Structure formats: structure tokens, C-alpha cells
Amino acid sequence: MPGEVVPVALPRGQSRRPREAMVLLGSDGQPRCYLNECRHLPIPIDMGSKRYLTQNKQHLLCGTHGALYRLDDGVCVTGPCLSLALESIPLIEEDGLLYVDVSELYP
């Protein structure tokens, strides 16, 4: 749904820390998926709060230091990671269902 983020648990990475993907709709109504990890520090942008968006639902918000990321491409528009993008994760649509393609994250 527009204005919502659906968290998806991912396998643990090399650091053995839990990881999560964020699935959302872009302004064009198409789904996007990003790794829930700030580009400034390797921590989840929601810090476990499950609050991912700004109040007006126009940007993803890093709760730690206030960086704002565009929904359409994950690029930081303000904050210490300015112009860096969240790691995009491909989505696969099959029989009307979306799947997070983790093959590039875990080769």
C-alpha cells in the first residue's frame, strides 16, 4: 500500500547480525526494495522501531541521525550520507506475488 513499508526478514550476513529488507511503493506505484541499513553507519534505519517513513510519508528516515532517503531510488537527500543510496534489492514477481531476490546479497 502507498505510504507503508513492509519489512522482510533476511538471512544473517557475514557479521551474523539480523538483516531486513524494506518493501514499499515508489511514487509511480511500482514496488521497491532496499536493505534496511543506513549508509552512514551499518545499522537499521528504524533501529527496530518499525517506523521507516517521515511523518508526511515522502521519505525513508534514519531514526539515528535524521538522514532522509527518497522512496523512488533510495538516494539520501539530507544528512551525513548525502547522495549515497540505500542498497537496492531486486524483487521478483511470480503468479501475482512478490519475492525478495537475495541472490546478489548472498552469492
PDB file of N, CA and C in Angstrom:
ATOM      1  N   MET A   1       0.828  -1.178   0.000  1.00  0.00           N
ATOM      2  CA  MET A   1       0.000   0.000   0.000  1.00  0.00           C
ATOM      3  C   MET A   1       0.880   1.252   0.000  1.00  0.00           C
ATOM      4  N   PRO A   2       0.429   2.305  -0.667  1.00  0.00           N
ATOM      5  CA  PRO A   2       1.184   3.559  -0.631  1.00  0.00           C
ATOM      6  C   PRO A   2       1.326   4.055   0.804  1.00  0.00           C
ATOM      7  N   GLY A   3       2.497   4.590   1.123  1.00  0.00           N
ATOM      8  CA  GLY A   3       2.736   5.134   2.451  1.00  0.00           C
ATOM      9  C   GLY A   3       3.037   4.104   3.519  1.00  0.00           C
ATOM     10  N   GLU A   4       3.294   2.871   3.114  1.00  0.00           N
ATOM     11  CA  GLU A   4       3.638   1.820   4.064  1.00  0.00           C
ATOM     12  C   GLU A   4       4.937   1.148   3.654  1.00  0.00           C
ATOM     13  N   VAL A   5       5.625   0.620   4.632  1.00  0.00           N
ATOM     14  CA  VAL A   5       6.826  -0.168   4.400  1.00  0.00           C
ATOM     15  C   VAL A   5       6.563  -1.558   4.974  1.00  0.00           C
ATOM     16  N   VAL A   6       6.831  -2.575   4.175  1.00  0.00           N
ATOM     17  CA  VAL A   6       6.685  -3.947   4.642  1.00  0.00           C
ATOM     18  C   VAL A   6       8.082  -4.500   4.916  1.00  0.00           C
ATOM     19  N   PRO A   7       8.383  -4.821   6.180  1.00  0.00           N
ATOM     20  CA  PRO A   7       9.689  -5.394   6.487  1.00  0.00           C
ATOM     21  C   PRO A   7       9.716  -6.873   6.130  1.00  0.00           C
ATOM     22  N   VAL A   8      10.869  -7.331   5.627  1.00  0.00           N
ATOM     23  CA  VAL A   8      11.054  -8.737   5.265  1.00  0.00           C
ATOM     24  C   VAL A   8      12.368  -9.204   5.896  1.00  0.00           C
ATOM     25  N   ALA A   9      12.276 -10.220   6.733  1.00  0.00           N
ATOM     26  CA  ALA A   9      13.483 -10.758   7.373  1.00  0.00           C
ATOM     27  C   ALA A   9      14.363 -11.419   6.317  1.00  0.00           C
ATOM     28  N   LEU A  10      15.663 -11.209   6.438  1.00  0.00           N
ATOM     29  CA  LEU A  10      16.645 -11.785   5.516  1.00  0.00           C
ATOM     30  C   LEU A  10      17.568 -12.718   6.295  1.00  0.00           C
ATOM     31  N   PRO A  11      18.242 -13.620   5.585  1.00  0.00           N
ATOM     32  CA  PRO A  11      19.263 -14.430   6.268  1.00  0.00           C
ATOM     33  C   PRO A  11      20.346 -13.517   6.854  1.00  0.00           C
ATOM     34  N   ARG A  12      20.985 -13.977   7.885  1.00  0.00           N
ATOM     35  CA  ARG A  12      22.060 -13.201   8.507  1.00  0.00           C
ATOM     36  C   ARG A  12      23.221 -13.064   7.529  1.00  0.00           C
ATOM     37  N   GLY A  13      23.891 -11.920   7.580  1.00  0.00           N
ATOM     38  CA  GLY A  13      25.037 -11.670   6.718  1.00  0.00           C
ATOM     39  C   GLY A  13      26.313 -12.203   7.334  1.00  0.00           C
ATOM     40  N   GLN A  14      27.440 -11.812   6.773  1.00  0.00           N
ATOM     41  CA  GLN A  14      28.736 -12.262   7.271  1.00  0.00           C
ATOM     42  C   GLN A  14      28.962 -11.853   8.718  1.00  0.00           C
ATOM     43  N   SER A  15      28.398 -10.737   9.125  1.00  0.00           N
ATOM     44  CA  SER A  15      28.565 -10.265  10.503  1.00  0.00           C
ATOM     45  C   SER A  15      27.708 -11.063  11.482  1.00  0.00           C
ATOM     46  N   ARG A  16      26.820 -11.902  10.955  1.00  0.00           N
ATOM     47  CA  ARG A  16      25.896 -12.722  11.741  1.00  0.00           C
ATOM     48  C   ARG A  16      24.795 -11.901  12.408  1.00  0.00           C
ATOM     49  N   ARG A  17      24.729 -10.596  12.107  1.00  0.00           N
ATOM     50  CA  ARG A  17      23.658  -9.762  12.638  1.00  0.00           C
ATOM     51  C   ARG A  17      22.382 -10.008  11.845  1.00  0.00           C
ATOM     52  N   PRO A  18      21.222  -9.893  12.486  1.00  0.00           N
ATOM     53  CA  PRO A  18      19.965  -9.988  11.732  1.00  0.00           C
ATOM     54  C   PRO A  18      19.910  -8.892  10.674  1.00  0.00           C
ATOM     55  N   ARG A  19      19.296  -9.206   9.544  1.00  0.00           N
ATOM     56  CA  ARG A  19      19.147  -8.228   8.462  1.00  0.00           C
ATOM     57  C   ARG A  19      17.698  -8.206   8.015  1.00  0.00           C
ATOM     58  N   GLU A  20      17.333  -7.093   7.391  1.00  0.00           N
ATOM     59  CA  GLU A  20      15.954  -6.916   6.979  1.00  0.00           C
ATOM     60  C   GLU A  20      15.903  -6.129   5.676  1.00  0.00           C
ATOM     61  N   ALA A  21      14.932  -6.456   4.851  1.00  0.00           N
ATOM     62  CA  ALA A  21      14.644  -5.676   3.647  1.00  0.00           C
ATOM     63  C   ALA A  21      13.402  -4.831   3.928  1.00  0.00           C
ATOM     64  N   MET A  22      13.285  -3.732   3.183  1.00  0.00           N
ATOM     65  CA  MET A  22      12.104  -2.876   3.276  1.00  0.00           C
ATOM     66  C   MET A  22      11.469  -2.830   1.889  1.00  0.00           C
ATOM     67  N   VAL A  23      10.220  -3.256   1.790  1.00  0.00           N
ATOM     68  CA  VAL A  23       9.491  -3.224   0.522  1.00  0.00           C
ATOM     69  C   VAL A  23       8.460  -2.110   0.626  1.00  0.00           C
ATOM     70  N   LEU A  24       8.400  -1.271  -0.412  1.00  0.00           N
ATOM     71  CA  LEU A  24       7.491  -0.125  -0.422  1.00  0.00           C
ATOM     72  C   LEU A  24       7.126   0.201  -1.858  1.00  0.00           C
ATOM     73  N   LEU A  25       6.192   1.099  -2.011  1.00  0.00           N
ATOM     74  CA  LEU A  25       5.813   1.569  -3.340  1.00  0.00           C
ATOM     75  C   LEU A  25       6.459   2.919  -3.612  1.00  0.00           C
ATOM     76  N   GLY A  26       6.992   3.075  -4.817  1.00  0.00           N
ATOM     77  CA  GLY A  26       7.531   4.356  -5.247  1.00  0.00           C
ATOM     78  C   GLY A  26       6.404   5.281  -5.661  1.00  0.00           C
ATOM     79  N   SER A  27       6.732   6.507  -6.044  1.00  0.00           N
ATOM     80  CA  SER A  27       5.715   7.481  -6.452  1.00  0.00           C
ATOM     81  C   SER A  27       4.962   7.046  -7.697  1.00  0.00           C
ATOM     82  N   ASP A  28       5.564   6.144  -8.473  1.00  0.00           N
ATOM     83  CA  ASP A  28       4.916   5.626  -9.677  1.00  0.00           C
ATOM     84  C   ASP A  28       4.045   4.410  -9.391  1.00  0.00           C
ATOM     85  N   GLY A  29       3.928   4.033  -8.118  1.00  0.00           N
ATOM     86  CA  GLY A  29       3.112   2.882  -7.751  1.00  0.00           C
ATOM     87  C   GLY A  29       3.811   1.540  -7.915  1.00  0.00           C
ATOM     88  N   GLN A  30       5.066   1.577  -8.334  1.00  0.00           N
ATOM     89  CA  GLN A  30       5.835   0.342  -8.517  1.00  0.00           C
ATOM     90  C   GLN A  30       6.583  -0.017  -7.236  1.00  0.00           C
ATOM     91  N   PRO A  31       6.679  -1.304  -6.930  1.00  0.00           N
ATOM     92  CA  PRO A  31       7.368  -1.706  -5.704  1.00  0.00           C
ATOM     93  C   PRO A  31       8.872  -1.497  -5.797  1.00  0.00           C
ATOM     94  N   ARG A  32       9.439  -1.161  -4.646  1.00  0.00           N
ATOM     95  CA  ARG A  32      10.885  -1.005  -4.491  1.00  0.00           C
ATOM     96  C   ARG A  32      11.292  -1.818  -3.268  1.00  0.00           C
ATOM     97  N   CYS A  33      12.550  -2.201  -3.219  1.00  0.00           N
ATOM     98  CA  CYS A  33      13.052  -2.932  -2.070  1.00  0.00           C
ATOM     99  C   CYS A  33      14.471  -2.463  -1.768  1.00  0.00           C
ATOM    100  N   TYR A  34      14.715  -2.162  -0.502  1.00  0.00           N
ATOM    101  CA  TYR A  34      16.033  -1.709  -0.063  1.00  0.00           C
ATOM    102  C   TYR A  34      16.456  -2.495   1.172  1.00  0.00           C
ATOM    103  N   LEU A  35      17.753  -2.650   1.332  1.00  0.00           N
ATOM    104  CA  LEU A  35      18.291  -3.207   2.559  1.00  0.00           C
ATOM    105  C   LEU A  35      18.083  -2.185   3.674  1.00  0.00           C
ATOM    106  N   ASN A  36      17.568  -2.628   4.803  1.00  0.00           N
ATOM    107  CA  ASN A  36      17.334  -1.730   5.939  1.00  0.00           C
ATOM    108  C   ASN A  36      18.660  -1.522   6.671  1.00  0.00           C
ATOM    109  N   GLU A  37      19.502  -0.703   6.055  1.00  0.00           N
ATOM    110  CA  GLU A  37      20.801  -0.382   6.638  1.00  0.00           C
ATOM    111  C   GLU A  37      21.214   1.005   6.164  1.00  0.00           C
ATOM    112  N   CYS A  38      21.391   1.898   7.115  1.00  0.00           N
ATOM    113  CA  CYS A  38      21.786   3.262   6.790  1.00  0.00           C
ATOM    114  C   CYS A  38      23.147   3.264   6.091  1.00  0.00           C
ATOM    115  N   ARG A  39      23.361   4.226   5.219  1.00  0.00           N
ATOM    116  CA  ARG A  39      24.644   4.334   4.529  1.00  0.00           C
ATOM    117  C   ARG A  39      25.682   5.060   5.369  1.00  0.00           C
ATOM    118  N   HIS A  40      25.265   5.718   6.431  1.00  0.00           N
ATOM    119  CA  HIS A  40      26.200   6.429   7.306  1.00  0.00           C
ATOM    120  C   HIS A  40      26.855   5.464   8.296  1.00  0.00           C
ATOM    121  N   LEU A  41      26.038   4.625   8.912  1.00  0.00           N
ATOM    122  CA  LEU A  41      26.505   3.605   9.851  1.00  0.00           C
ATOM    123  C   LEU A  41      25.789   2.297   9.513  1.00  0.00           C
ATOM    124  N   PRO A  42      26.424   1.166   9.697  1.00  0.00           N
ATOM    125  CA  PRO A  42      25.774  -0.109   9.334  1.00  0.00           C
ATOM    126  C   PRO A  42      24.752  -0.557  10.384  1.00  0.00           C
ATOM    127  N   ILE A  43      23.697   0.257  10.535  1.00  0.00           N
ATOM    128  CA  ILE A  43      22.628  -0.038  11.478  1.00  0.00           C
ATOM    129  C   ILE A  43      21.289   0.110  10.754  1.00  0.00           C
ATOM    130  N   PRO A  44      20.246  -0.579  11.227  1.00  0.00           N
ATOM    131  CA  PRO A  44      18.926  -0.426  10.604  1.00  0.00           C
ATOM    132  C   PRO A  44      18.443   1.016  10.722  1.00  0.00           C
ATOM    133  N   ILE A  45      17.813   1.522   9.671  1.00  0.00           N
ATOM    134  CA  ILE A  45      17.369   2.916   9.722  1.00  0.00           C
ATOM    135  C   ILE A  45      16.259   3.117  10.748  1.00  0.00           C
ATOM    136  N   ASP A  46      15.501   2.084  11.042  1.00  0.00           N
ATOM    137  CA  ASP A  46      14.423   2.230  12.024  1.00  0.00           C
ATOM    138  C   ASP A  46      14.856   1.848  13.436  1.00  0.00           C
ATOM    139  N   MET A  47      16.052   1.316  13.616  1.00  0.00           N
ATOM    140  CA  MET A  47      16.580   0.891  14.914  1.00  0.00           C
ATOM    141  C   MET A  47      15.607  -0.030  15.665  1.00  0.00           C
ATOM    142  N   GLY A  48      14.864  -0.818  14.886  1.00  0.00           N
ATOM    143  CA  GLY A  48      13.942  -1.784  15.484  1.00  0.00           C
ATOM    144  C   GLY A  48      12.575  -1.237  15.833  1.00  0.00           C
ATOM    145  N   SER A  49      12.341   0.043  15.575  1.00  0.00           N
ATOM    146  CA  SER A  49      11.070   0.676  15.937  1.00  0.00           C
ATOM    147  C   SER A  49       9.950   0.361  14.949  1.00  0.00           C
ATOM    148  N   LYS A  50      10.309  -0.102  13.767  1.00  0.00           N
ATOM    149  CA  LYS A  50       9.362  -0.334  12.660  1.00  0.00           C
ATOM    150  C   LYS A  50       8.745   0.968  12.153  1.00  0.00           C
ATOM    151  N   ARG A  51       9.391   2.104  12.448  1.00  0.00           N
ATOM    152  CA  ARG A  51       8.991   3.394  11.883  1.00  0.00           C
ATOM    153  C   ARG A  51      10.036   3.762  10.844  1.00  0.00           C
ATOM    154  N   TYR A  52       9.654   3.690   9.588  1.00  0.00           N
ATOM    155  CA  TYR A  52      10.590   3.853   8.486  1.00  0.00           C
ATOM    156  C   TYR A  52      10.442   5.178   7.752  1.00  0.00           C
ATOM    157  N   LEU A  53       9.266   5.772   7.827  1.00  0.00           N
ATOM    158  CA  LEU A  53       8.940   6.928   6.987  1.00  0.00           C
ATOM    159  C   LEU A  53       8.833   8.215   7.785  1.00  0.00           C
ATOM    160  N   THR A  54       9.054   9.326   7.079  1.00  0.00           N
ATOM    161  CA  THR A  54       8.803  10.638   7.671  1.00  0.00           C
ATOM    162  C   THR A  54       7.308  10.771   7.926  1.00  0.00           C
ATOM    163  N   GLN A  55       6.929  11.755   8.707  1.00  0.00           N
ATOM    164  CA  GLN A  55       5.523  11.947   9.049  1.00  0.00           C
ATOM    165  C   GLN A  55       4.648  12.121   7.808  1.00  0.00           C
ATOM    166  N   ASN A  56       5.174  12.821   6.794  1.00  0.00           N
ATOM    167  CA  ASN A  56       4.392  13.036   5.567  1.00  0.00           C
ATOM    168  C   ASN A  56       4.526  11.879   4.573  1.00  0.00           C
ATOM    169  N   LYS A  57       5.275  10.844   4.952  1.00  0.00           N
ATOM    170  CA  LYS A  57       5.453   9.614   4.161  1.00  0.00           C
ATOM    171  C   LYS A  57       6.123   9.853   2.802  1.00  0.00           C
ATOM    172  N   GLN A  58       6.917  10.937   2.720  1.00  0.00           N
ATOM    173  CA  GLN A  58       7.597  11.275   1.473  1.00  0.00           C
ATOM    174  C   GLN A  58       9.009  10.721   1.385  1.00  0.00           C
ATOM    175  N   HIS A  59       9.597  10.343   2.531  1.00  0.00           N
ATOM    176  CA  HIS A  59      10.976   9.851   2.561  1.00  0.00           C
ATOM    177  C   HIS A  59      11.121   8.737   3.585  1.00  0.00           C
ATOM    178  N   LEU A  60      12.108   7.880   3.373  1.00  0.00           N
ATOM    179  CA  LEU A  60      12.565   6.970   4.418  1.00  0.00           C
ATOM    180  C   LEU A  60      13.427   7.791   5.364  1.00  0.00           C
ATOM    181  N   LEU A  61      13.320   7.548   6.655  1.00  0.00           N
ATOM    182  CA  LEU A  61      14.003   8.345   7.665  1.00  0.00           C
ATOM    183  C   LEU A  61      14.903   7.470   8.520  1.00  0.00           C
ATOM    184  N   CYS A  62      16.162   7.846   8.635  1.00  0.00           N
ATOM    185  CA  CYS A  62      17.053   7.176   9.562  1.00  0.00           C
ATOM    186  C   CYS A  62      16.800   7.771  10.945  1.00  0.00           C
ATOM    187  N   GLY A  63      16.283   6.960  11.854  1.00  0.00           N
ATOM    188  CA  GLY A  63      15.955   7.420  13.189  1.00  0.00           C
ATOM    189  C   GLY A  63      17.161   7.773  14.032  1.00  0.00           C
ATOM    190  N   THR A  64      18.357   7.354  13.627  1.00  0.00           N
ATOM    191  CA  THR A  64      19.552   7.629  14.410  1.00  0.00           C
ATOM    192  C   THR A  64      20.072   9.041  14.197  1.00  0.00           C
ATOM    193  N   HIS A  65      20.169   9.468  12.935  1.00  0.00           N
ATOM    194  CA  HIS A  65      20.755  10.784  12.685  1.00  0.00           C
ATOM    195  C   HIS A  65      19.944  11.650  11.727  1.00  0.00           C
ATOM    196  N   GLY A  66      18.748  11.212  11.364  1.00  0.00           N
ATOM    197  CA  GLY A  66      17.841  12.057  10.594  1.00  0.00           C
ATOM    198  C   GLY A  66      18.055  12.109   9.096  1.00  0.00           C
ATOM    199  N   ALA A  67      18.868  11.226   8.532  1.00  0.00           N
ATOM    200  CA  ALA A  67      19.033  11.217   7.076  1.00  0.00           C
ATOM    201  C   ALA A  67      17.693  10.902   6.414  1.00  0.00           C
ATOM    202  N   LEU A  68      17.432  11.555   5.282  1.00  0.00           N
ATOM    203  CA  LEU A  68      16.214  11.310   4.514  1.00  0.00           C
ATOM    204  C   LEU A  68      16.591  10.688   3.180  1.00  0.00           C
ATOM    205  N   TYR A  69      15.923   9.590   2.848  1.00  0.00           N
ATOM    206  CA  TYR A  69      16.167   8.868   1.596  1.00  0.00           C
ATOM    207  C   TYR A  69      14.916   8.913   0.736  1.00  0.00           C
ATOM    208  N   ARG A  70      15.103   9.191  -0.559  1.00  0.00           N
ATOM    209  CA  ARG A  70      13.976   9.195  -1.494  1.00  0.00           C
ATOM    210  C   ARG A  70      13.415   7.788  -1.629  1.00  0.00           C
ATOM    211  N   LEU A  71      12.101   7.689  -1.764  1.00  0.00           N
ATOM    212  CA  LEU A  71      11.451   6.390  -1.921  1.00  0.00           C
ATOM    213  C   LEU A  71      11.763   5.754  -3.273  1.00  0.00           C
ATOM    214  N   ASP A  72      11.850   6.571  -4.313  1.00  0.00           N
ATOM    215  CA  ASP A  72      11.982   6.036  -5.674  1.00  0.00           C
ATOM    216  C   ASP A  72      13.334   5.422  -5.984  1.00  0.00           C
ATOM    217  N   ASP A  73      14.409   5.954  -5.386  1.00  0.00           N
ATOM    218  CA  ASP A  73      15.731   5.414  -5.715  1.00  0.00           C
ATOM    219  C   ASP A  73      16.625   5.204  -4.498  1.00  0.00           C
ATOM    220  N   GLY A  74      16.122   5.518  -3.293  1.00  0.00           N
ATOM    221  CA  GLY A  74      16.882   5.295  -2.072  1.00  0.00           C
ATOM    222  C   GLY A  74      18.034   6.253  -1.850  1.00  0.00           C
ATOM    223  N   VAL A  75      18.125   7.323  -2.633  1.00  0.00           N
ATOM    224  CA  VAL A  75      19.227   8.275  -2.504  1.00  0.00           C
ATOM    225  C   VAL A  75      18.976   9.206  -1.319  1.00  0.00           C
ATOM    226  N   CYS A  76      20.024   9.419  -0.532  1.00  0.00           N
ATOM    227  CA  CYS A  76      19.957  10.319   0.620  1.00  0.00           C
ATOM    228  C   CYS A  76      19.950  11.762   0.122  1.00  0.00           C
ATOM    229  N   VAL A  77      18.944  12.534   0.569  1.00  0.00           N
ATOM    230  CA  VAL A  77      18.821  13.925   0.143  1.00  0.00           C
ATOM    231  C   VAL A  77      19.214  14.910   1.236  1.00  0.00           C
ATOM    232  N   THR A  78      19.369  14.412   2.461  1.00  0.00           N
ATOM    233  CA  THR A  78      19.873  15.245   3.545  1.00  0.00           C
ATOM    234  C   THR A  78      20.415  14.347   4.651  1.00  0.00           C
ATOM    235  N   GLY A  79      21.532  14.782   5.227  1.00  0.00           N
ATOM    236  CA  GLY A  79      22.157  14.003   6.286  1.00  0.00           C
ATOM    237  C   GLY A  79      23.607  13.703   5.956  1.00  0.00           C
ATOM    238  N   PRO A  80      24.305  13.001   6.851  1.00  0.00           N
ATOM    239  CA  PRO A  80      25.741  12.747   6.672  1.00  0.00           C
ATOM    240  C   PRO A  80      26.085  11.812   5.515  1.00  0.00           C
ATOM    241  N   CYS A  81      25.102  11.122   4.970  1.00  0.00           N
ATOM    242  CA  CYS A  81      25.369  10.222   3.839  1.00  0.00           C
ATOM    243  C   CYS A  81      24.801  10.808   2.542  1.00  0.00           C
ATOM    244  N   LEU A  82      24.743  12.130   2.462  1.00  0.00           N
ATOM    245  CA  LEU A  82      24.189  12.858   1.324  1.00  0.00           C
ATOM    246  C   LEU A  82      24.670  12.290  -0.001  1.00  0.00           C
ATOM    247  N   SER A  83      23.748  11.999  -0.885  1.00  0.00           N
ATOM    248  CA  SER A  83      23.930  11.493  -2.254  1.00  0.00           C
ATOM    249  C   SER A  83      24.277  10.008  -2.331  1.00  0.00           C
ATOM    250  N   LEU A  84      24.459   9.336  -1.191  1.00  0.00           N
ATOM    251  CA  LEU A  84      24.637   7.888  -1.214  1.00  0.00           C
ATOM    252  C   LEU A  84      23.257   7.235  -1.208  1.00  0.00           C
ATOM    253  N   ALA A  85      23.146   6.067  -1.818  1.00  0.00           N
ATOM    254  CA  ALA A  85      21.851   5.388  -1.912  1.00  0.00           C
ATOM    255  C   ALA A  85      21.822   4.139  -1.046  1.00  0.00           C
ATOM    256  N   LEU A  86      20.643   3.868  -0.504  1.00  0.00           N
ATOM    257  CA  LEU A  86      20.426   2.596   0.175  1.00  0.00           C
ATOM    258  C   LEU A  86      20.675   1.470  -0.817  1.00  0.00           C
ATOM    259  N   GLU A  87      21.074   0.315  -0.324  1.00  0.00           N
ATOM    260  CA  GLU A  87      21.314  -0.817  -1.214  1.00  0.00           C
ATOM    261  C   GLU A  87      19.978  -1.357  -1.708  1.00  0.00           C
ATOM    262  N   SER A  88      19.802  -1.326  -3.018  1.00  0.00           N
ATOM    263  CA  SER A  88      18.587  -1.807  -3.648  1.00  0.00           C
ATOM    264  C   SER A  88      18.643  -3.332  -3.761  1.00  0.00           C
ATOM    265  N   ILE A  89      17.510  -3.964  -3.533  1.00  0.00           N
ATOM    266  CA  ILE A  89      17.409  -5.419  -3.644  1.00  0.00           C
ATOM    267  C   ILE A  89      16.353  -5.721  -4.702  1.00  0.00           C
ATOM    268  N   PRO A  90      16.680  -6.570  -5.680  1.00  0.00           N
ATOM    269  CA  PRO A  90      15.700  -6.880  -6.719  1.00  0.00           C
ATOM    270  C   PRO A  90      14.482  -7.616  -6.159  1.00  0.00           C
ATOM    271  N   LEU A  91      13.350  -7.369  -6.797  1.00  0.00           N
ATOM    272  CA  LEU A  91      12.120  -8.091  -6.496  1.00  0.00           C
ATOM    273  C   LEU A  91      11.758  -8.947  -7.696  1.00  0.00           C
ATOM    274  N   ILE A  92      11.216 -10.096  -7.438  1.00  0.00           N
ATOM    275  CA  ILE A  92      10.759 -10.996  -8.499  1.00  0.00           C
ATOM    276  C   ILE A  92       9.254 -11.153  -8.344  1.00  0.00           C
ATOM    277  N   GLU A  93       8.524 -10.951  -9.439  1.00  0.00           N
ATOM    278  CA  GLU A  93       7.074 -11.146  -9.409  1.00  0.00           C
ATOM    279  C   GLU A  93       6.764 -12.467 -10.085  1.00  0.00           C
ATOM    280  N   GLU A  94       6.020 -13.300  -9.377  1.00  0.00           N
ATOM    281  CA  GLU A  94       5.677 -14.617  -9.907  1.00  0.00           C
ATOM    282  C   GLU A  94       4.257 -14.957  -9.461  1.00  0.00           C
ATOM    283  N   ASP A  95       3.397 -15.188 -10.424  1.00  0.00           N
ATOM    284  CA  ASP A  95       1.996 -15.534 -10.142  1.00  0.00           C
ATOM    285  C   ASP A  95       1.322 -14.516  -9.222  1.00  0.00           C
ATOM    286  N   GLY A  96       1.624 -13.231  -9.437  1.00  0.00           N
ATOM    287  CA  GLY A  96       0.997 -12.170  -8.667  1.00  0.00           C
ATOM    288  C   GLY A  96       1.587 -11.942  -7.289  1.00  0.00           C
ATOM    289  N   LEU A  97       2.651 -12.667  -6.945  1.00  0.00           N
ATOM    290  CA  LEU A  97       3.313 -12.496  -5.658  1.00  0.00           C
ATOM    291  C   LEU A  97       4.696 -11.894  -5.860  1.00  0.00           C
ATOM    292  N   LEU A  98       5.146 -11.097  -4.896  1.00  0.00           N
ATOM    293  CA  LEU A  98       6.491 -10.522  -4.943  1.00  0.00           C
ATOM    294  C   LEU A  98       7.413 -11.299  -4.015  1.00  0.00           C
ATOM    295  N   TYR A  99       8.619 -11.544  -4.509  1.00  0.00           N
ATOM    296  CA  TYR A  99       9.643 -12.216  -3.723  1.00  0.00           C
ATOM    297  C   TYR A  99      10.894 -11.339  -3.716  1.00  0.00           C
ATOM    298  N   VAL A 100      11.550 -11.273  -2.569  1.00  0.00           N
ATOM    299  CA  VAL A 100      12.808 -10.552  -2.457  1.00  0.00           C
ATOM    300  C   VAL A 100      13.908 -11.467  -2.972  1.00  0.00           C
ATOM    301  N   ASP A 101      14.655 -10.996  -3.969  1.00  0.00           N
ATOM    302  CA  ASP A 101      15.736 -11.784  -4.575  1.00  0.00           C
ATOM    303  C   ASP A 101      17.041 -11.507  -3.829  1.00  0.00           C
ATOM    304  N   VAL A 102      17.405 -12.407  -2.935  1.00  0.00           N
ATOM    305  CA  VAL A 102      18.594 -12.208  -2.116  1.00  0.00           C
ATOM    306  C   VAL A 102      19.855 -12.787  -2.755  1.00  0.00           C
ATOM    307  N   SER A 103      19.765 -13.280  -3.968  1.00  0.00           N
ATOM    308  CA  SER A 103      20.910 -13.936  -4.595  1.00  0.00           C
ATOM    309  C   SER A 103      22.125 -13.015  -4.732  1.00  0.00           C
ATOM    310  N   GLU A 104      21.897 -11.711  -4.908  1.00  0.00           N
ATOM    311  CA  GLU A 104      23.026 -10.776  -5.027  1.00  0.00           C
ATOM    312  C   GLU A 104      23.601 -10.418  -3.653  1.00  0.00           C
ATOM    313  N   LEU A 105      22.788 -10.497  -2.614  1.00  0.00           N
ATOM    314  CA  LEU A 105      23.257 -10.206  -1.257  1.00  0.00           C
ATOM    315  C   LEU A 105      24.070 -11.355  -0.681  1.00  0.00           C
ATOM    316  N   TYR A 106      23.721 -12.572  -1.097  1.00  0.00           N
ATOM    317  CA  TYR A 106      24.340 -13.783  -0.558  1.00  0.00           C
ATOM    318  C   TYR A 106      24.788 -14.660  -1.714  1.00  0.00           C
ATOM    319  N   PRO A 107      25.878 -14.278  -2.382  1.00  0.00           N
ATOM    320  CA  PRO A 107      26.318 -15.058  -3.562  1.00  0.00           C
ATOM    321  C   PRO A 107      26.805 -16.455  -3.187  1.00  0.00           C
TER     322      PRO A 107
END
